[in-house]
């Protein structure tokens, strides 16, 4: 609800860069852009405390996402595009649902990778 057109444009640019990183198989860039996109979503939501905490958490758990970045790659950025569309439409309920689903997909991918 708080994201203005400049914020949405920034999300779209970060998403385009992330998609390019995935296409180039640049895992480090894709992971860094993923973190920037998520942080931007939180900043645009106006939750400064959550954005600050997420930044601290990201630095400690990047190892969690990096091993599955290739597996999640393209699909993760498709999910980001859907989230950005919901934000642009000011559909808070849909954005919340999409973010929960997105986070769950990443969690299950990580745990599936860990199974023998």
PDB file of N, CA and C in Angstrom:
ATOM      1  N   UNK A   1       0.825  -1.195   0.000  1.00  0.00           N
ATOM      2  CA  UNK A   1       0.000   0.000   0.000  1.00  0.00           C
ATOM      3  C   UNK A   1       0.867   1.256   0.000  1.00  0.00           C
ATOM      4  N   UNK A   2       2.079   1.165   0.515  1.00  0.00           N
ATOM      5  CA  UNK A   2       2.948   2.338   0.622  1.00  0.00           C
ATOM      6  C   UNK A   2       3.875   2.530  -0.564  1.00  0.00           C
ATOM      7  N   UNK A   3       3.925   1.567  -1.466  1.00  0.00           N
ATOM      8  CA  UNK A   3       4.877   1.636  -2.579  1.00  0.00           C
ATOM      9  C   UNK A   3       4.390   2.614  -3.635  1.00  0.00           C
ATOM     10  N   UNK A   4       5.212   3.608  -3.927  1.00  0.00           N
ATOM     11  CA  UNK A   4       4.893   4.551  -4.993  1.00  0.00           C
ATOM     12  C   UNK A   4       5.425   4.042  -6.317  1.00  0.00           C
ATOM     13  N   UNK A   5       5.220   4.799  -7.351  1.00  0.00           N
ATOM     14  CA  UNK A   5       5.647   4.358  -8.686  1.00  0.00           C
ATOM     15  C   UNK A   5       7.170   4.199  -8.767  1.00  0.00           C
ATOM     16  N   UNK A   6       7.915   5.058  -8.083  1.00  0.00           N
ATOM     17  CA  UNK A   6       9.376   4.938  -8.101  1.00  0.00           C
ATOM     18  C   UNK A   6       9.819   3.630  -7.436  1.00  0.00           C
ATOM     19  N   UNK A   7       9.164   3.258  -6.350  1.00  0.00           N
ATOM     20  CA  UNK A   7       9.481   2.009  -5.672  1.00  0.00           C
ATOM     21  C   UNK A   7       9.167   0.801  -6.529  1.00  0.00           C
ATOM     22  N   UNK A   8       8.053   0.852  -7.207  1.00  0.00           N
ATOM     23  CA  UNK A   8       7.672  -0.260  -8.086  1.00  0.00           C
ATOM     24  C   UNK A   8       8.647  -0.364  -9.258  1.00  0.00           C
ATOM     25  N   UNK A   9       9.051   0.779  -9.796  1.00  0.00           N
ATOM     26  CA  UNK A   9      10.055   0.766 -10.871  1.00  0.00           C
ATOM     27  C   UNK A   9      11.363   0.156 -10.392  1.00  0.00           C
ATOM     28  N   UNK A  10      11.758   0.469  -9.164  1.00  0.00           N
ATOM     29  CA  UNK A  10      12.979  -0.107  -8.609  1.00  0.00           C
ATOM     30  C   UNK A  10      12.846  -1.623  -8.492  1.00  0.00           C
ATOM     31  N   UNK A  11      11.704  -2.089  -7.994  1.00  0.00           N
ATOM     32  CA  UNK A  11      11.481  -3.541  -7.896  1.00  0.00           C
ATOM     33  C   UNK A  11      11.567  -4.197  -9.273  1.00  0.00           C
ATOM     34  N   UNK A  12      10.968  -3.573 -10.261  1.00  0.00           N
ATOM     35  CA  UNK A  12      10.998  -4.125 -11.617  1.00  0.00           C
ATOM     36  C   UNK A  12      12.423  -4.175 -12.164  1.00  0.00           C
ATOM     37  N   UNK A  13      13.211  -3.137 -11.886  1.00  0.00           N
ATOM     38  CA  UNK A  13      14.602  -3.116 -12.341  1.00  0.00           C
ATOM     39  C   UNK A  13      15.416  -4.208 -11.652  1.00  0.00           C
ATOM     40  N   UNK A  14      15.244  -4.345 -10.340  1.00  0.00           N
ATOM     41  CA  UNK A  14      15.955  -5.403  -9.617  1.00  0.00           C
ATOM     42  C   UNK A  14      15.563  -6.773 -10.149  1.00  0.00           C
ATOM     43  N   UNK A  15      14.287  -6.942 -10.464  1.00  0.00           N
ATOM     44  CA  UNK A  15      13.808  -8.217 -10.992  1.00  0.00           C
ATOM     45  C   UNK A  15      14.435  -8.493 -12.360  1.00  0.00           C
ATOM     46  N   UNK A  16      14.488  -7.503 -13.205  1.00  0.00           N
ATOM     47  CA  UNK A  16      15.106  -7.672 -14.528  1.00  0.00           C
ATOM     48  C   UNK A  16      16.584  -8.042 -14.390  1.00  0.00           C
ATOM     49  N   UNK A  17      17.273  -7.395 -13.463  1.00  0.00           N
ATOM     50  CA  UNK A  17      18.680  -7.720 -13.231  1.00  0.00           C
ATOM     51  C   UNK A  17      18.830  -9.142 -12.707  1.00  0.00           C
ATOM     52  N   UNK A  18      17.922  -9.552 -11.819  1.00  0.00           N
ATOM     53  CA  UNK A  18      17.954 -10.917 -11.290  1.00  0.00           C
ATOM     54  C   UNK A  18      17.705 -11.949 -12.370  1.00  0.00           C
ATOM     55  N   UNK A  19      16.745 -11.662 -13.245  1.00  0.00           N
ATOM     56  CA  UNK A  19      16.468 -12.577 -14.358  1.00  0.00           C
ATOM     57  C   UNK A  19      17.682 -12.691 -15.275  1.00  0.00           C
ATOM     58  N   UNK A  20      18.367 -11.577 -15.501  1.00  0.00           N
ATOM     59  CA  UNK A  20      19.575 -11.592 -16.323  1.00  0.00           C
ATOM     60  C   UNK A  20      20.684 -12.398 -15.656  1.00  0.00           C
ATOM     61  N   UNK A  21      20.815 -12.254 -14.357  1.00  0.00           N
ATOM     62  CA  UNK A  21      21.831 -13.012 -13.619  1.00  0.00           C
ATOM     63  C   UNK A  21      21.563 -14.510 -13.719  1.00  0.00           C
ATOM     64  N   UNK A  22      20.296 -14.898 -13.594  1.00  0.00           N
ATOM     65  CA  UNK A  22      19.944 -16.311 -13.723  1.00  0.00           C
ATOM     66  C   UNK A  22      20.257 -16.800 -15.136  1.00  0.00           C
ATOM     67  N   UNK A  23      19.896 -16.018 -16.135  1.00  0.00           N
ATOM     68  CA  UNK A  23      20.156 -16.402 -17.527  1.00  0.00           C
ATOM     69  C   UNK A  23      21.653 -16.566 -17.796  1.00  0.00           C
ATOM     70  N   UNK A  24      22.466 -15.764 -17.111  1.00  0.00           N
ATOM     71  CA  UNK A  24      23.918 -15.826 -17.276  1.00  0.00           C
ATOM     72  C   UNK A  24      24.562 -16.852 -16.332  1.00  0.00           C
ATOM     73  N   UNK A  25      23.739 -17.535 -15.546  1.00  0.00           N
ATOM     74  CA  UNK A  25      24.210 -18.502 -14.545  1.00  0.00           C
ATOM     75  C   UNK A  25      25.176 -17.857 -13.554  1.00  0.00           C
ATOM     76  N   UNK A  26      24.890 -16.610 -13.195  1.00  0.00           N
ATOM     77  CA  UNK A  26      25.695 -15.870 -12.222  1.00  0.00           C
ATOM     78  C   UNK A  26      24.999 -15.985 -10.862  1.00  0.00           C
ATOM     79  N   UNK A  27      25.294 -17.067 -10.156  1.00  0.00           N
ATOM     80  CA  UNK A  27      24.620 -17.367  -8.896  1.00  0.00           C
ATOM     81  C   UNK A  27      24.865 -16.280  -7.856  1.00  0.00           C
ATOM     82  N   UNK A  28      26.088 -15.814  -7.744  1.00  0.00           N
ATOM     83  CA  UNK A  28      26.385 -14.793  -6.735  1.00  0.00           C
ATOM     84  C   UNK A  28      25.559 -13.529  -6.970  1.00  0.00           C
ATOM     85  N   UNK A  29      25.469 -13.098  -8.221  1.00  0.00           N
ATOM     86  CA  UNK A  29      24.678 -11.904  -8.529  1.00  0.00           C
ATOM     87  C   UNK A  29      23.200 -12.157  -8.275  1.00  0.00           C
ATOM     88  N   UNK A  30      22.704 -13.334  -8.662  1.00  0.00           N
ATOM     89  CA  UNK A  30      21.288 -13.655  -8.449  1.00  0.00           C
ATOM     90  C   UNK A  30      20.943 -13.652  -6.963  1.00  0.00           C
ATOM     91  N   UNK A  31      21.815 -14.201  -6.155  1.00  0.00           N
ATOM     92  CA  UNK A  31      21.579 -14.252  -4.708  1.00  0.00           C
ATOM     93  C   UNK A  31      21.610 -12.840  -4.118  1.00  0.00           C
ATOM     94  N   UNK A  32      22.571 -12.032  -4.537  1.00  0.00           N
ATOM     95  CA  UNK A  32      22.657 -10.658  -4.038  1.00  0.00           C
ATOM     96  C   UNK A  32      21.435  -9.844  -4.466  1.00  0.00           C
ATOM     97  N   UNK A  33      21.008 -10.002  -5.708  1.00  0.00           N
ATOM     98  CA  UNK A  33      19.833  -9.272  -6.192  1.00  0.00           C
ATOM     99  C   UNK A  33      18.560  -9.751  -5.508  1.00  0.00           C
ATOM    100  N   UNK A  34      18.493 -11.033  -5.211  1.00  0.00           N
ATOM    101  CA  UNK A  34      17.354 -11.566  -4.464  1.00  0.00           C
ATOM    102  C   UNK A  34      17.258 -10.871  -3.104  1.00  0.00           C
ATOM    103  N   UNK A  35      18.378 -10.756  -2.427  1.00  0.00           N
ATOM    104  CA  UNK A  35      18.403 -10.099  -1.119  1.00  0.00           C
ATOM    105  C   UNK A  35      17.993  -8.627  -1.248  1.00  0.00           C
ATOM    106  N   UNK A  36      18.491  -7.953  -2.284  1.00  0.00           N
ATOM    107  CA  UNK A  36      18.138  -6.538  -2.485  1.00  0.00           C
ATOM    108  C   UNK A  36      16.651  -6.368  -2.773  1.00  0.00           C
ATOM    109  N   UNK A  37      16.099  -7.271  -3.581  1.00  0.00           N
ATOM    110  CA  UNK A  37      14.681  -7.180  -3.899  1.00  0.00           C
ATOM    111  C   UNK A  37      13.838  -7.371  -2.645  1.00  0.00           C
ATOM    112  N   UNK A  38      14.158  -8.389  -1.870  1.00  0.00           N
ATOM    113  CA  UNK A  38      13.400  -8.638  -0.641  1.00  0.00           C
ATOM    114  C   UNK A  38      13.516  -7.461   0.330  1.00  0.00           C
ATOM    115  N   UNK A  39      14.709  -6.906   0.474  1.00  0.00           N
ATOM    116  CA  UNK A  39      14.898  -5.758   1.360  1.00  0.00           C
ATOM    117  C   UNK A  39      14.103  -4.556   0.863  1.00  0.00           C
ATOM    118  N   UNK A  40      14.067  -4.371  -0.435  1.00  0.00           N
ATOM    119  CA  UNK A  40      13.316  -3.253  -1.006  1.00  0.00           C
ATOM    120  C   UNK A  40      11.826  -3.409  -0.746  1.00  0.00           C
ATOM    121  N   UNK A  41      11.318  -4.626  -0.866  1.00  0.00           N
ATOM    122  CA  UNK A  41       9.903  -4.871  -0.559  1.00  0.00           C
ATOM    123  C   UNK A  41       9.600  -4.453   0.869  1.00  0.00           C
ATOM    124  N   UNK A  42      10.470  -4.840   1.796  1.00  0.00           N
ATOM    125  CA  UNK A  42      10.238  -4.489   3.198  1.00  0.00           C
ATOM    126  C   UNK A  42      10.345  -2.984   3.434  1.00  0.00           C
ATOM    127  N   UNK A  43      11.303  -2.359   2.784  1.00  0.00           N
ATOM    128  CA  UNK A  43      11.430  -0.903   2.920  1.00  0.00           C
ATOM    129  C   UNK A  43      10.194  -0.200   2.376  1.00  0.00           C
ATOM    130  N   UNK A  44       9.717  -0.637   1.226  1.00  0.00           N
ATOM    131  CA  UNK A  44       8.533  -0.017   0.620  1.00  0.00           C
ATOM    132  C   UNK A  44       7.287  -0.256   1.465  1.00  0.00           C
ATOM    133  N   UNK A  45       7.277  -1.339   2.212  1.00  0.00           N
ATOM    134  CA  UNK A  45       6.142  -1.618   3.089  1.00  0.00           C
ATOM    135  C   UNK A  45       6.115  -0.640   4.258  1.00  0.00           C
ATOM    136  N   UNK A  46       7.221   0.061   4.464  1.00  0.00           N
ATOM    137  CA  UNK A  46       7.272   1.042   5.540  1.00  0.00           C
ATOM    138  C   UNK A  46       7.606   0.454   6.890  1.00  0.00           C
ATOM    139  N   UNK A  47       8.111  -0.769   6.879  1.00  0.00           N
ATOM    140  CA  UNK A  47       8.454  -1.429   8.132  1.00  0.00           C
ATOM    141  C   UNK A  47       9.968  -1.361   8.314  1.00  0.00           C
ATOM    142  N   UNK A  48      10.442  -0.256   8.862  1.00  0.00           N
ATOM    143  CA  UNK A  48      11.877  -0.025   9.007  1.00  0.00           C
ATOM    144  C   UNK A  48      12.536  -1.064   9.914  1.00  0.00           C
ATOM    145  N   UNK A  49      11.845  -1.466  10.966  1.00  0.00           N
ATOM    146  CA  UNK A  49      12.415  -2.454  11.894  1.00  0.00           C
ATOM    147  C   UNK A  49      12.600  -3.786  11.185  1.00  0.00           C
ATOM    148  N   UNK A  50      11.570  -4.229  10.460  1.00  0.00           N
ATOM    149  CA  UNK A  50      11.670  -5.488   9.733  1.00  0.00           C
ATOM    150  C   UNK A  50      12.761  -5.409   8.666  1.00  0.00           C
ATOM    151  N   UNK A  51      12.850  -4.302   7.959  1.00  0.00           N
ATOM    152  CA  UNK A  51      13.878  -4.141   6.928  1.00  0.00           C
ATOM    153  C   UNK A  51      15.274  -4.227   7.538  1.00  0.00           C
ATOM    154  N   UNK A  52      15.469  -3.600   8.685  1.00  0.00           N
ATOM    155  CA  UNK A  52      16.771  -3.650   9.350  1.00  0.00           C
ATOM    156  C   UNK A  52      17.094  -5.066   9.816  1.00  0.00           C
ATOM    157  N   UNK A  53      16.124  -5.730  10.427  1.00  0.00           N
ATOM    158  CA  UNK A  53      16.340  -7.107  10.886  1.00  0.00           C
ATOM    159  C   UNK A  53      16.608  -8.045   9.720  1.00  0.00           C
ATOM    160  N   UNK A  54      15.887  -7.849   8.624  1.00  0.00           N
ATOM    161  CA  UNK A  54      16.085  -8.701   7.449  1.00  0.00           C
ATOM    162  C   UNK A  54      17.495  -8.542   6.897  1.00  0.00           C
ATOM    163  N   UNK A  55      18.018  -7.325   6.920  1.00  0.00           N
ATOM    164  CA  UNK A  55      19.385  -7.099   6.469  1.00  0.00           C
ATOM    165  C   UNK A  55      20.387  -7.858   7.314  1.00  0.00           C
ATOM    166  N   UNK A  56      20.173  -7.871   8.608  1.00  0.00           N
ATOM    167  CA  UNK A  56      21.054  -8.611   9.509  1.00  0.00           C
ATOM    168  C   UNK A  56      20.932 -10.110   9.269  1.00  0.00           C
ATOM    169  N   UNK A  57      19.712 -10.586   9.100  1.00  0.00           N
ATOM    170  CA  UNK A  57      19.482 -12.006   8.867  1.00  0.00           C
ATOM    171  C   UNK A  57      20.097 -12.423   7.536  1.00  0.00           C
ATOM    172  N   UNK A  58      19.925 -11.607   6.503  1.00  0.00           N
ATOM    173  CA  UNK A  58      20.471 -11.948   5.184  1.00  0.00           C
ATOM    174  C   UNK A  58      21.963 -12.213   5.248  1.00  0.00           C
ATOM    175  N   UNK A  59      22.684 -11.399   5.949  1.00  0.00           N
ATOM    176  CA  UNK A  59      24.135 -11.578   6.031  1.00  0.00           C
ATOM    177  C   UNK A  59      24.494 -12.890   6.720  1.00  0.00           C
ATOM    178  N   UNK A  60      23.609 -13.392   7.549  1.00  0.00           N
ATOM    179  CA  UNK A  60      23.910 -14.624   8.277  1.00  0.00           C
ATOM    180  C   UNK A  60      23.377 -15.886   7.597  1.00  0.00           C
ATOM    181  N   UNK A  61      22.392 -15.749   6.720  1.00  0.00           N
ATOM    182  CA  UNK A  61      21.790 -16.952   6.141  1.00  0.00           C
ATOM    183  C   UNK A  61      21.911 -17.027   4.618  1.00  0.00           C
ATOM    184  N   UNK A  62      22.769 -16.233   4.052  1.00  0.00           N
ATOM    185  CA  UNK A  62      22.936 -16.300   2.601  1.00  0.00           C
ATOM    186  C   UNK A  62      23.344 -17.708   2.179  1.00  0.00           C
ATOM    187  N   UNK A  63      24.054 -18.415   3.034  1.00  0.00           N
ATOM    188  CA  UNK A  63      24.434 -19.800   2.776  1.00  0.00           C
ATOM    189  C   UNK A  63      23.203 -20.672   2.534  1.00  0.00           C
ATOM    190  N   UNK A  64      22.071 -20.289   3.091  1.00  0.00           N
ATOM    191  CA  UNK A  64      20.831 -21.059   2.979  1.00  0.00           C
ATOM    192  C   UNK A  64      20.289 -21.003   1.558  1.00  0.00           C
ATOM    193  N   UNK A  65      20.332 -19.834   0.943  1.00  0.00           N
ATOM    194  CA  UNK A  65      19.762 -19.659  -0.381  1.00  0.00           C
ATOM    195  C   UNK A  65      20.743 -20.029  -1.496  1.00  0.00           C
ATOM    196  N   UNK A  66      22.013 -19.764  -1.307  1.00  0.00           N
ATOM    197  CA  UNK A  66      22.989 -19.963  -2.372  1.00  0.00           C
ATOM    198  C   UNK A  66      22.975 -21.389  -2.945  1.00  0.00           C
ATOM    199  N   UNK A  67      22.938 -22.445  -2.126  1.00  0.00           N
ATOM    200  CA  UNK A  67      22.971 -23.799  -2.697  1.00  0.00           C
ATOM    201  C   UNK A  67      21.752 -24.149  -3.555  1.00  0.00           C
ATOM    202  N   UNK A  68      20.642 -23.454  -3.380  1.00  0.00           N
ATOM    203  CA  UNK A  68      19.450 -23.787  -4.165  1.00  0.00           C
ATOM    204  C   UNK A  68      19.126 -22.728  -5.219  1.00  0.00           C
ATOM    205  N   UNK A  69      20.009 -21.752  -5.351  1.00  0.00           N
ATOM    206  CA  UNK A  69      19.746 -20.651  -6.279  1.00  0.00           C
ATOM    207  C   UNK A  69      19.570 -21.149  -7.710  1.00  0.00           C
ATOM    208  N   UNK A  70      20.349 -22.120  -8.117  1.00  0.00           N
ATOM    209  CA  UNK A  70      20.195 -22.643  -9.481  1.00  0.00           C
ATOM    210  C   UNK A  70      18.873 -23.398  -9.626  1.00  0.00           C
ATOM    211  N   UNK A  71      18.544 -24.197  -8.642  1.00  0.00           N
ATOM    212  CA  UNK A  71      17.299 -24.977  -8.699  1.00  0.00           C
ATOM    213  C   UNK A  71      16.085 -24.048  -8.699  1.00  0.00           C
ATOM    214  N   UNK A  72      16.091 -23.061  -7.840  1.00  0.00           N
ATOM    215  CA  UNK A  72      14.963 -22.132  -7.713  1.00  0.00           C
ATOM    216  C   UNK A  72      15.019 -21.037  -8.774  1.00  0.00           C
ATOM    217  N   UNK A  73      16.212 -20.733  -9.249  1.00  0.00           N
ATOM    218  CA  UNK A  73      16.489 -19.665 -10.190  1.00  0.00           C
ATOM    219  C   UNK A  73      15.332 -19.020 -10.911  1.00  0.00           C
ATOM    220  N   UNK A  74      15.002 -19.544 -12.062  1.00  0.00           N
ATOM    221  CA  UNK A  74      13.993 -18.927 -12.918  1.00  0.00           C
ATOM    222  C   UNK A  74      12.643 -18.833 -12.228  1.00  0.00           C
ATOM    223  N   UNK A  75      12.225 -19.897 -11.547  1.00  0.00           N
ATOM    224  CA  UNK A  75      10.922 -19.890 -10.879  1.00  0.00           C
ATOM    225  C   UNK A  75      10.858 -18.828  -9.785  1.00  0.00           C
ATOM    226  N   UNK A  76      11.941 -18.650  -9.070  1.00  0.00           N
ATOM    227  CA  UNK A  76      11.974 -17.643  -8.015  1.00  0.00           C
ATOM    228  C   UNK A  76      11.701 -16.252  -8.581  1.00  0.00           C
ATOM    229  N   UNK A  77      12.291 -15.956  -9.736  1.00  0.00           N
ATOM    230  CA  UNK A  77      12.100 -14.631 -10.334  1.00  0.00           C
ATOM    231  C   UNK A  77      10.720 -14.492 -10.960  1.00  0.00           C
ATOM    232  N   UNK A  78      10.126 -15.593 -11.390  1.00  0.00           N
ATOM    233  CA  UNK A  78       8.725 -15.554 -11.834  1.00  0.00           C
ATOM    234  C   UNK A  78       7.836 -15.177 -10.647  1.00  0.00           C
ATOM    235  N   UNK A  79       8.127 -15.770  -9.497  1.00  0.00           N
ATOM    236  CA  UNK A  79       7.377 -15.450  -8.280  1.00  0.00           C
ATOM    237  C   UNK A  79       7.581 -13.990  -7.887  1.00  0.00           C
ATOM    238  N   UNK A  80       8.795 -13.497  -8.046  1.00  0.00           N
ATOM    239  CA  UNK A  80       9.051 -12.075  -7.767  1.00  0.00           C
ATOM    240  C   UNK A  80       8.200 -11.191  -8.674  1.00  0.00           C
ATOM    241  N   UNK A  81       8.112 -11.543  -9.956  1.00  0.00           N
ATOM    242  CA  UNK A  81       7.296 -10.765 -10.901  1.00  0.00           C
ATOM    243  C   UNK A  81       5.835 -10.727 -10.454  1.00  0.00           C
ATOM    244  N   UNK A  82       5.325 -11.875 -10.002  1.00  0.00           N
ATOM    245  CA  UNK A  82       3.931 -11.936  -9.523  1.00  0.00           C
ATOM    246  C   UNK A  82       3.749 -11.043  -8.296  1.00  0.00           C
ATOM    247  N   UNK A  83       4.725 -11.069  -7.399  1.00  0.00           N
ATOM    248  CA  UNK A  83       4.676 -10.236  -6.206  1.00  0.00           C
ATOM    249  C   UNK A  83       4.671  -8.756  -6.579  1.00  0.00           C
ATOM    250  N   UNK A  84       5.538  -8.380  -7.496  1.00  0.00           N
ATOM    251  CA  UNK A  84       5.609  -6.982  -7.928  1.00  0.00           C
ATOM    252  C   UNK A  84       4.275  -6.551  -8.540  1.00  0.00           C
ATOM    253  N   UNK A  85       3.662  -7.422  -9.313  1.00  0.00           N
ATOM    254  CA  UNK A  85       2.359  -7.100  -9.915  1.00  0.00           C
ATOM    255  C   UNK A  85       1.308  -6.864  -8.834  1.00  0.00           C
ATOM    256  N   UNK A  86       1.313  -7.691  -7.804  1.00  0.00           N
ATOM    257  CA  UNK A  86       0.351  -7.513  -6.700  1.00  0.00           C
ATOM    258  C   UNK A  86       0.615  -6.199  -5.972  1.00  0.00           C
ATOM    259  N   UNK A  87       1.877  -5.861  -5.770  1.00  0.00           N
ATOM    260  CA  UNK A  87       2.224  -4.596  -5.120  1.00  0.00           C
ATOM    261  C   UNK A  87       1.762  -3.428  -5.992  1.00  0.00           C
ATOM    262  N   UNK A  88       2.012  -3.520  -7.288  1.00  0.00           N
ATOM    263  CA  UNK A  88       1.605  -2.447  -8.208  1.00  0.00           C
ATOM    264  C   UNK A  88       0.092  -2.284  -8.235  1.00  0.00           C
ATOM    265  N   UNK A  89      -0.625  -3.395  -8.064  1.00  0.00           N
ATOM    266  CA  UNK A  89      -2.097  -3.354  -8.034  1.00  0.00           C
ATOM    267  C   UNK A  89      -2.644  -2.949  -6.662  1.00  0.00           C
ATOM    268  N   UNK A  90      -1.738  -2.754  -5.698  1.00  0.00           N
ATOM    269  CA  UNK A  90      -2.122  -2.414  -4.326  1.00  0.00           C
ATOM    270  C   UNK A  90      -2.972  -3.514  -3.682  1.00  0.00           C
ATOM    271  N   UNK A  91      -2.708  -4.747  -4.099  1.00  0.00           N
ATOM    272  CA  UNK A  91      -3.449  -5.899  -3.578  1.00  0.00           C
ATOM    273  C   UNK A  91      -2.642  -6.504  -2.423  1.00  0.00           C
ATOM    274  N   UNK A  92      -2.855  -5.953  -1.238  1.00  0.00           N
ATOM    275  CA  UNK A  92      -2.075  -6.361  -0.069  1.00  0.00           C
ATOM    276  C   UNK A  92      -2.278  -7.828   0.275  1.00  0.00           C
ATOM    277  N   UNK A  93      -3.496  -8.300   0.175  1.00  0.00           N
ATOM    278  CA  UNK A  93      -3.773  -9.706   0.508  1.00  0.00           C
ATOM    279  C   UNK A  93      -3.031 -10.637  -0.448  1.00  0.00           C
ATOM    280  N   UNK A  94      -3.095 -10.345  -1.734  1.00  0.00           N
ATOM    281  CA  UNK A  94      -2.414 -11.186  -2.722  1.00  0.00           C
ATOM    282  C   UNK A  94      -0.901 -11.116  -2.542  1.00  0.00           C
ATOM    283  N   UNK A  95      -0.375  -9.930  -2.288  1.00  0.00           N
ATOM    284  CA  UNK A  95       1.067  -9.789  -2.071  1.00  0.00           C
ATOM    285  C   UNK A  95       1.515 -10.612  -0.863  1.00  0.00           C
ATOM    286  N   UNK A  96       0.716 -10.586   0.190  1.00  0.00           N
ATOM    287  CA  UNK A  96       1.034 -11.367   1.387  1.00  0.00           C
ATOM    288  C   UNK A  96       1.026 -12.857   1.079  1.00  0.00           C
ATOM    289  N   UNK A  97      -0.001 -13.304   0.372  1.00  0.00           N
ATOM    290  CA  UNK A  97      -0.092 -14.726   0.003  1.00  0.00           C
ATOM    291  C   UNK A  97       1.092 -15.151  -0.866  1.00  0.00           C
ATOM    292  N   UNK A  98       1.418 -14.310  -1.840  1.00  0.00           N
ATOM    293  CA  UNK A  98       2.527 -14.635  -2.740  1.00  0.00           C
ATOM    294  C   UNK A  98       3.846 -14.704  -1.992  1.00  0.00           C
ATOM    295  N   UNK A  99       4.066 -13.788  -1.059  1.00  0.00           N
ATOM    296  CA  UNK A  99       5.318 -13.803  -0.310  1.00  0.00           C
ATOM    297  C   UNK A  99       5.410 -15.044   0.572  1.00  0.00           C
ATOM    298  N   UNK A 100       4.298 -15.419   1.182  1.00  0.00           N
ATOM    299  CA  UNK A 100       4.301 -16.655   1.990  1.00  0.00           C
ATOM    300  C   UNK A 100       4.619 -17.869   1.123  1.00  0.00           C
ATOM    301  N   UNK A 101       3.963 -17.952  -0.031  1.00  0.00           N
ATOM    302  CA  UNK A 101       4.205 -19.072  -0.941  1.00  0.00           C
ATOM    303  C   UNK A 101       5.657 -19.080  -1.419  1.00  0.00           C
ATOM    304  N   UNK A 102       6.161 -17.923  -1.764  1.00  0.00           N
ATOM    305  CA  UNK A 102       7.533 -17.789  -2.248  1.00  0.00           C
ATOM    306  C   UNK A 102       8.530 -18.270  -1.187  1.00  0.00           C
ATOM    307  N   UNK A 103       8.339 -17.822   0.024  1.00  0.00           N
ATOM    308  CA  UNK A 103       9.221 -18.226   1.117  1.00  0.00           C
ATOM    309  C   UNK A 103       9.128 -19.732   1.358  1.00  0.00           C
ATOM    310  N   UNK A 104       7.923 -20.263   1.296  1.00  0.00           N
ATOM    311  CA  UNK A 104       7.733 -21.705   1.502  1.00  0.00           C
ATOM    312  C   UNK A 104       8.386 -22.506   0.379  1.00  0.00           C
ATOM    313  N   UNK A 105       8.293 -22.054  -0.848  1.00  0.00           N
ATOM    314  CA  UNK A 105       8.936 -22.755  -1.963  1.00  0.00           C
ATOM    315  C   UNK A 105      10.455 -22.821  -1.742  1.00  0.00           C
ATOM    316  N   UNK A 106      11.022 -21.730  -1.282  1.00  0.00           N
ATOM    317  CA  UNK A 106      12.459 -21.715  -1.020  1.00  0.00           C
ATOM    318  C   UNK A 106      12.806 -22.669   0.116  1.00  0.00           C
ATOM    319  N   UNK A 107      12.006 -22.646   1.168  1.00  0.00           N
ATOM    320  CA  UNK A 107      12.263 -23.538   2.311  1.00  0.00           C
ATOM    321  C   UNK A 107      12.183 -25.003   1.892  1.00  0.00           C
ATOM    322  N   UNK A 108      11.141 -25.373   1.158  1.00  0.00           N
ATOM    323  CA  UNK A 108      11.003 -26.780   0.758  1.00  0.00           C
ATOM    324  C   UNK A 108      12.087 -27.182  -0.227  1.00  0.00           C
ATOM    325  N   UNK A 109      12.521 -26.279  -1.090  1.00  0.00           N
ATOM    326  CA  UNK A 109      13.622 -26.587  -2.008  1.00  0.00           C
ATOM    327  C   UNK A 109      14.909 -26.857  -1.238  1.00  0.00           C
ATOM    328  N   UNK A 110      15.156 -26.060  -0.228  1.00  0.00           N
ATOM    329  CA  UNK A 110      16.354 -26.246   0.582  1.00  0.00           C
ATOM    330  C   UNK A 110      16.313 -27.610   1.286  1.00  0.00           C
ATOM    331  N   UNK A 111      15.188 -27.936   1.880  1.00  0.00           N
ATOM    332  CA  UNK A 111      15.085 -29.208   2.603  1.00  0.00           C
ATOM    333  C   UNK A 111      15.110 -30.399   1.655  1.00  0.00           C
ATOM    334  N   UNK A 112      14.552 -30.269   0.461  1.00  0.00           N
ATOM    335  CA  UNK A 112      14.592 -31.345  -0.527  1.00  0.00           C
ATOM    336  C   UNK A 112      16.035 -31.602  -0.966  1.00  0.00           C
ATOM    337  N   UNK A 113      16.819 -30.547  -1.058  1.00  0.00           N
ATOM    338  CA  UNK A 113      18.217 -30.668  -1.444  1.00  0.00           C
ATOM    339  C   UNK A 113      19.020 -31.422  -0.390  1.00  0.00           C
ATOM    340  N   UNK A 114      18.651 -31.256   0.858  1.00  0.00           N
ATOM    341  CA  UNK A 114      19.387 -31.859   1.964  1.00  0.00           C
ATOM    342  C   UNK A 114      19.097 -33.350   2.113  1.00  0.00           C
ATOM    343  N   UNK A 115      17.972 -33.810   1.565  1.00  0.00           N
ATOM    344  CA  UNK A 115      17.634 -35.247   1.670  1.00  0.00           C
ATOM    345  C   UNK A 115      18.540 -36.063   0.778  1.00  0.00           C
ATOM    346  N   UNK A 116      18.911 -37.272   1.252  1.00  0.00           N
ATOM    347  CA  UNK A 116      19.784 -38.120   0.421  1.00  0.00           C
ATOM    348  C   UNK A 116      19.078 -38.630  -0.814  1.00  0.00           C
TER     349      UNK A 116
END
